[in-house]
Amino acid sequence: MNGSKNMFELICMSLLGVAYVDACIEEAAEEKRQKERERTRDLKISVFCYAVRHHLNYKDVVKMIQDKKLTFDDIERDRKEHEGK
């Protein structure tokens, strides 16, 4: 009887371990999704600020990025130059 109790405890601990690992993986995935949402929001804000500084429409700036006439590095350099003034 004692052997089957130990086996049951071992199975339960194994299941708890699997559940814990799964929860850790899901938490890491959620953190990654959250960081991507924040990054997207920050990029949108950068594009909006660039548009305002240069008296352009937001959609026009997005089009410039799509057409590779403007990069996010360009926008970042412009932000730093503007802050330096």
N, C-alpha and C. Protein backbone atom coordinates (compact mmCIF):
# COMPACT_ATOMS: atom_id res chain seq x y z
N MET A 1 0.82 -1.19 0.00
CA MET A 1 0.00 0.00 0.00
C MET A 1 0.87 1.25 0.00
N ASN A 2 1.96 1.24 0.73
CA ASN A 2 2.85 2.39 0.83
C ASN A 2 3.48 2.72 -0.52
N GLY A 3 3.78 1.69 -1.32
CA GLY A 3 4.37 1.91 -2.64
C GLY A 3 3.41 2.61 -3.59
N SER A 4 2.13 2.24 -3.54
CA SER A 4 1.16 2.89 -4.42
C SER A 4 0.91 4.33 -3.99
N LYS A 5 0.99 4.61 -2.68
CA LYS A 5 0.84 5.99 -2.20
C LYS A 5 2.00 6.84 -2.70
N ASN A 6 3.22 6.30 -2.64
CA ASN A 6 4.39 7.03 -3.14
C ASN A 6 4.29 7.27 -4.64
N MET A 7 3.78 6.26 -5.37
CA MET A 7 3.61 6.41 -6.82
C MET A 7 2.58 7.51 -7.12
N PHE A 8 1.48 7.52 -6.36
CA PHE A 8 0.45 8.55 -6.53
C PHE A 8 1.02 9.93 -6.26
N GLU A 9 1.80 10.08 -5.20
CA GLU A 9 2.42 11.36 -4.87
C GLU A 9 3.38 11.79 -5.98
N LEU A 10 4.12 10.83 -6.50
CA LEU A 10 5.06 11.14 -7.58
C LEU A 10 4.33 11.62 -8.83
N ILE A 11 3.23 10.97 -9.16
CA ILE A 11 2.42 11.38 -10.32
C ILE A 11 1.84 12.77 -10.09
N CYS A 12 1.33 13.02 -8.89
CA CYS A 12 0.77 14.34 -8.59
C CYS A 12 1.84 15.43 -8.68
N MET A 13 3.01 15.16 -8.14
CA MET A 13 4.08 16.16 -8.20
C MET A 13 4.52 16.38 -9.65
N SER A 14 4.53 15.34 -10.43
CA SER A 14 4.90 15.47 -11.84
C SER A 14 3.87 16.33 -12.58
N LEU A 15 2.61 16.10 -12.31
CA LEU A 15 1.55 16.90 -12.94
C LEU A 15 1.65 18.37 -12.52
N LEU A 16 1.92 18.60 -11.25
CA LEU A 16 2.09 19.98 -10.78
C LEU A 16 3.29 20.63 -11.45
N GLY A 17 4.35 19.86 -11.64
CA GLY A 17 5.53 20.40 -12.32
C GLY A 17 5.22 20.77 -13.77
N VAL A 18 4.48 19.92 -14.45
CA VAL A 18 4.10 20.20 -15.84
C VAL A 18 3.21 21.45 -15.89
N ALA A 19 2.27 21.55 -14.97
CA ALA A 19 1.39 22.72 -14.93
C ALA A 19 2.18 23.99 -14.66
N TYR A 20 3.17 23.91 -13.77
CA TYR A 20 4.00 25.07 -13.46
C TYR A 20 4.81 25.51 -14.67
N VAL A 21 5.42 24.56 -15.36
CA VAL A 21 6.20 24.89 -16.55
C VAL A 21 5.30 25.51 -17.61
N ASP A 22 4.11 24.95 -17.80
CA ASP A 22 3.17 25.50 -18.78
C ASP A 22 2.78 26.94 -18.41
N ALA A 23 2.54 27.19 -17.12
CA ALA A 23 2.19 28.54 -16.67
C ALA A 23 3.34 29.51 -16.91
N CYS A 24 4.57 29.06 -16.69
CA CYS A 24 5.74 29.91 -16.93
C CYS A 24 5.87 30.25 -18.41
N ILE A 25 5.66 29.27 -19.27
CA ILE A 25 5.72 29.50 -20.71
C ILE A 25 4.65 30.49 -21.15
N GLU A 26 3.44 30.32 -20.63
CA GLU A 26 2.34 31.23 -20.99
C GLU A 26 2.61 32.64 -20.48
N GLU A 27 3.17 32.76 -19.29
CA GLU A 27 3.49 34.07 -18.74
C GLU A 27 4.55 34.77 -19.60
N ALA A 28 5.56 34.02 -20.02
CA ALA A 28 6.60 34.60 -20.88
C ALA A 28 6.02 35.04 -22.21
N ALA A 29 5.11 34.24 -22.76
CA ALA A 29 4.48 34.60 -24.03
C ALA A 29 3.63 35.86 -23.88
N GLU A 30 2.93 35.98 -22.77
CA GLU A 30 2.10 37.17 -22.52
C GLU A 30 2.98 38.40 -22.37
N GLU A 31 4.11 38.27 -21.67
CA GLU A 31 5.04 39.39 -21.53
C GLU A 31 5.56 39.82 -22.89
N LYS A 32 5.85 38.87 -23.75
CA LYS A 32 6.33 39.19 -25.10
C LYS A 32 5.25 39.92 -25.89
N ARG A 33 4.00 39.44 -25.81
CA ARG A 33 2.89 40.12 -26.50
C ARG A 33 2.73 41.54 -25.98
N GLN A 34 2.84 41.72 -24.66
CA GLN A 34 2.70 43.05 -24.07
C GLN A 34 3.81 43.98 -24.55
N LYS A 35 5.03 43.49 -24.62
CA LYS A 35 6.15 44.31 -25.10
C LYS A 35 5.94 44.70 -26.56
N GLU A 36 5.40 43.79 -27.37
CA GLU A 36 5.12 44.11 -28.77
C GLU A 36 4.04 45.18 -28.88
N ARG A 37 3.00 45.07 -28.03
CA ARG A 37 1.95 46.10 -28.05
C ARG A 37 2.53 47.46 -27.66
N GLU A 38 3.40 47.47 -26.64
CA GLU A 38 4.02 48.72 -26.20
C GLU A 38 4.93 49.28 -27.29
N ARG A 39 5.67 48.41 -27.95
CA ARG A 39 6.56 48.85 -29.03
C ARG A 39 5.75 49.45 -30.18
N THR A 40 4.66 48.79 -30.54
CA THR A 40 3.80 49.30 -31.60
C THR A 40 3.23 50.66 -31.22
N ARG A 41 2.77 50.79 -29.97
CA ARG A 41 2.23 52.07 -29.50
C ARG A 41 3.30 53.16 -29.56
N ASP A 42 4.51 52.84 -29.11
CA ASP A 42 5.60 53.82 -29.12
C ASP A 42 5.95 54.24 -30.54
N LEU A 43 5.95 53.29 -31.47
CA LEU A 43 6.25 53.63 -32.87
C LEU A 43 5.17 54.54 -33.45
N LYS A 44 3.91 54.24 -33.13
CA LYS A 44 2.81 55.08 -33.61
C LYS A 44 2.93 56.50 -33.06
N ILE A 45 3.29 56.60 -31.79
CA ILE A 45 3.47 57.92 -31.18
C ILE A 45 4.62 58.66 -31.86
N SER A 46 5.72 57.96 -32.14
CA SER A 46 6.87 58.58 -32.82
C SER A 46 6.47 59.10 -34.19
N VAL A 47 5.72 58.29 -34.93
CA VAL A 47 5.26 58.70 -36.26
C VAL A 47 4.35 59.91 -36.15
N PHE A 48 3.44 59.90 -35.17
CA PHE A 48 2.53 61.02 -34.98
C PHE A 48 3.31 62.30 -34.66
N CYS A 49 4.27 62.20 -33.75
CA CYS A 49 5.06 63.39 -33.37
C CYS A 49 5.85 63.91 -34.56
N TYR A 50 6.41 63.02 -35.36
CA TYR A 50 7.15 63.43 -36.55
C TYR A 50 6.21 64.19 -37.49
N ALA A 51 5.02 63.65 -37.68
CA ALA A 51 4.05 64.30 -38.56
C ALA A 51 3.71 65.71 -38.06
N VAL A 52 3.51 65.84 -36.77
CA VAL A 52 3.18 67.16 -36.19
C VAL A 52 4.35 68.12 -36.36
N ARG A 53 5.57 67.67 -36.06
CA ARG A 53 6.75 68.54 -36.17
C ARG A 53 6.95 69.04 -37.60
N HIS A 54 6.58 68.23 -38.58
CA HIS A 54 6.82 68.59 -39.99
C HIS A 54 5.54 69.00 -40.71
N HIS A 55 4.47 69.22 -39.96
CA HIS A 55 3.20 69.69 -40.52
C HIS A 55 2.71 68.77 -41.63
N LEU A 56 2.78 67.46 -41.35
CA LEU A 56 2.33 66.44 -42.30
C LEU A 56 1.16 65.67 -41.70
N ASN A 57 0.43 65.01 -42.57
CA ASN A 57 -0.61 64.10 -42.09
C ASN A 57 0.03 62.80 -41.65
N TYR A 58 -0.54 62.20 -40.62
CA TYR A 58 -0.05 60.92 -40.11
C TYR A 58 0.02 59.88 -41.23
N LYS A 59 -1.05 59.81 -42.03
CA LYS A 59 -1.10 58.82 -43.11
C LYS A 59 0.00 59.06 -44.14
N ASP A 60 0.35 60.31 -44.36
CA ASP A 60 1.43 60.62 -45.31
C ASP A 60 2.78 60.11 -44.79
N VAL A 61 2.99 60.25 -43.50
CA VAL A 61 4.24 59.76 -42.91
C VAL A 61 4.29 58.24 -42.98
N VAL A 62 3.17 57.58 -42.71
CA VAL A 62 3.10 56.12 -42.82
C VAL A 62 3.41 55.71 -44.26
N LYS A 63 2.86 56.43 -45.22
CA LYS A 63 3.13 56.12 -46.64
C LYS A 63 4.61 56.30 -46.96
N MET A 64 5.23 57.34 -46.41
CA MET A 64 6.67 57.56 -46.63
C MET A 64 7.48 56.38 -46.08
N ILE A 65 7.06 55.86 -44.94
CA ILE A 65 7.75 54.72 -44.35
C ILE A 65 7.56 53.48 -45.24
N GLN A 66 6.33 53.28 -45.69
CA GLN A 66 6.06 52.13 -46.56
C GLN A 66 6.83 52.21 -47.87
N ASP A 67 6.99 53.42 -48.39
CA ASP A 67 7.71 53.62 -49.65
C ASP A 67 9.22 53.68 -49.44
N LYS A 68 9.64 53.48 -48.19
CA LYS A 68 11.07 53.49 -47.82
C LYS A 68 11.74 54.85 -48.07
N LYS A 69 10.95 55.91 -48.02
CA LYS A 69 11.49 57.26 -48.12
C LYS A 69 11.87 57.79 -46.74
N LEU A 70 11.43 57.08 -45.71
CA LEU A 70 11.66 57.48 -44.34
C LEU A 70 11.79 56.20 -43.51
N THR A 71 12.71 56.21 -42.55
CA THR A 71 12.86 55.05 -41.66
C THR A 71 12.59 55.47 -40.23
N PHE A 72 12.44 54.49 -39.38
CA PHE A 72 12.25 54.80 -37.96
C PHE A 72 13.52 55.39 -37.37
N ASP A 73 14.66 55.02 -37.93
CA ASP A 73 15.92 55.64 -37.49
C ASP A 73 15.93 57.13 -37.83
N ASP A 74 15.42 57.47 -39.02
CA ASP A 74 15.30 58.88 -39.41
C ASP A 74 14.41 59.64 -38.44
N ILE A 75 13.31 59.01 -38.08
CA ILE A 75 12.36 59.64 -37.15
C ILE A 75 13.03 59.83 -35.79
N GLU A 76 13.79 58.84 -35.35
CA GLU A 76 14.47 58.93 -34.05
C GLU A 76 15.52 60.04 -34.07
N ARG A 77 16.29 60.12 -35.16
CA ARG A 77 17.30 61.19 -35.29
C ARG A 77 16.62 62.55 -35.27
N ASP A 78 15.51 62.66 -35.98
CA ASP A 78 14.77 63.91 -36.02
C ASP A 78 14.27 64.30 -34.63
N ARG A 79 13.80 63.32 -33.87
CA ARG A 79 13.32 63.57 -32.51
C ARG A 79 14.46 64.10 -31.65
N LYS A 80 15.62 63.47 -31.75
CA LYS A 80 16.76 63.89 -30.94
C LYS A 80 17.21 65.30 -31.33
N GLU A 81 17.21 65.61 -32.62
CA GLU A 81 17.58 66.96 -33.08
C GLU A 81 16.59 67.98 -32.55
N HIS A 82 15.30 67.62 -32.61
CA HIS A 82 14.26 68.54 -32.14
C HIS A 82 14.37 68.77 -30.64
N GLU A 83 14.68 67.73 -29.88
CA GLU A 83 14.81 67.88 -28.43
C GLU A 83 16.03 68.71 -28.06
N GLY A 84 17.05 68.69 -28.94
CA GLY A 84 18.26 69.44 -28.66
C GLY A 84 18.07 70.94 -28.84
N LYS A 85 17.01 71.35 -29.49
CA LYS A 85 16.79 72.78 -29.74
C LYS A 85 16.18 73.47 -28.55
